Amino acid sequence: MYQNRIRPPIFVQLNEQRTDQFIFQTIIDKATAAELYIELLNKSPNDFVSRLIEGIRLNNLTDLEVYQNLYLQNFGPIPSFTVQRNEVINYKEAILSALENEIRVVDTARRFLAAGENQLGSDIYRATLLQDTANLSILGTIYNSLV
């Protein structure tokens, strides 16, 4: 006789980090990016770059909300953290900082997915991996276009 069993979400450890720690780190990285994208928009060299940055910023804010909701629904209140706001003095260096932040997010998503297919948030991390890889390409193009 077949029994339909509902399995609870699988919470795995990878490099001694639990699922909640991966999600929390992603929230921090997305919040950091949100602050940086505001500065990049304010100092944008032209309208085309502004539109590209605005698209990335809006995607990032949507992701941030999704990760915050995922954390709240499964682990409770999000621990407090602070995001340092850096003023953009050199636009090319600020784009490089945005690239580094996106690389961290992609790396977190990659490590999270490598831990297993059936874990909480794997679909969200898969979407993040695709979207933020595209963001890396856009930011790289902006970086290379700056003199």
Foldseek 3Di string as FASTA:
>chain_A
DDDDDDDDFDWDADPNDTPLRLLLVLLLLLVLLLLLLVLCLVPPPDDVVNVLSVVVNVVSVVLNVVSCVLCCVPPNHRDDDDHDRDHDDDNLVSLVVSLVSLVVLLVSLVSVPVRDDRHPCVVVSVVSNVVSVVVNVVSVVVSVVDD
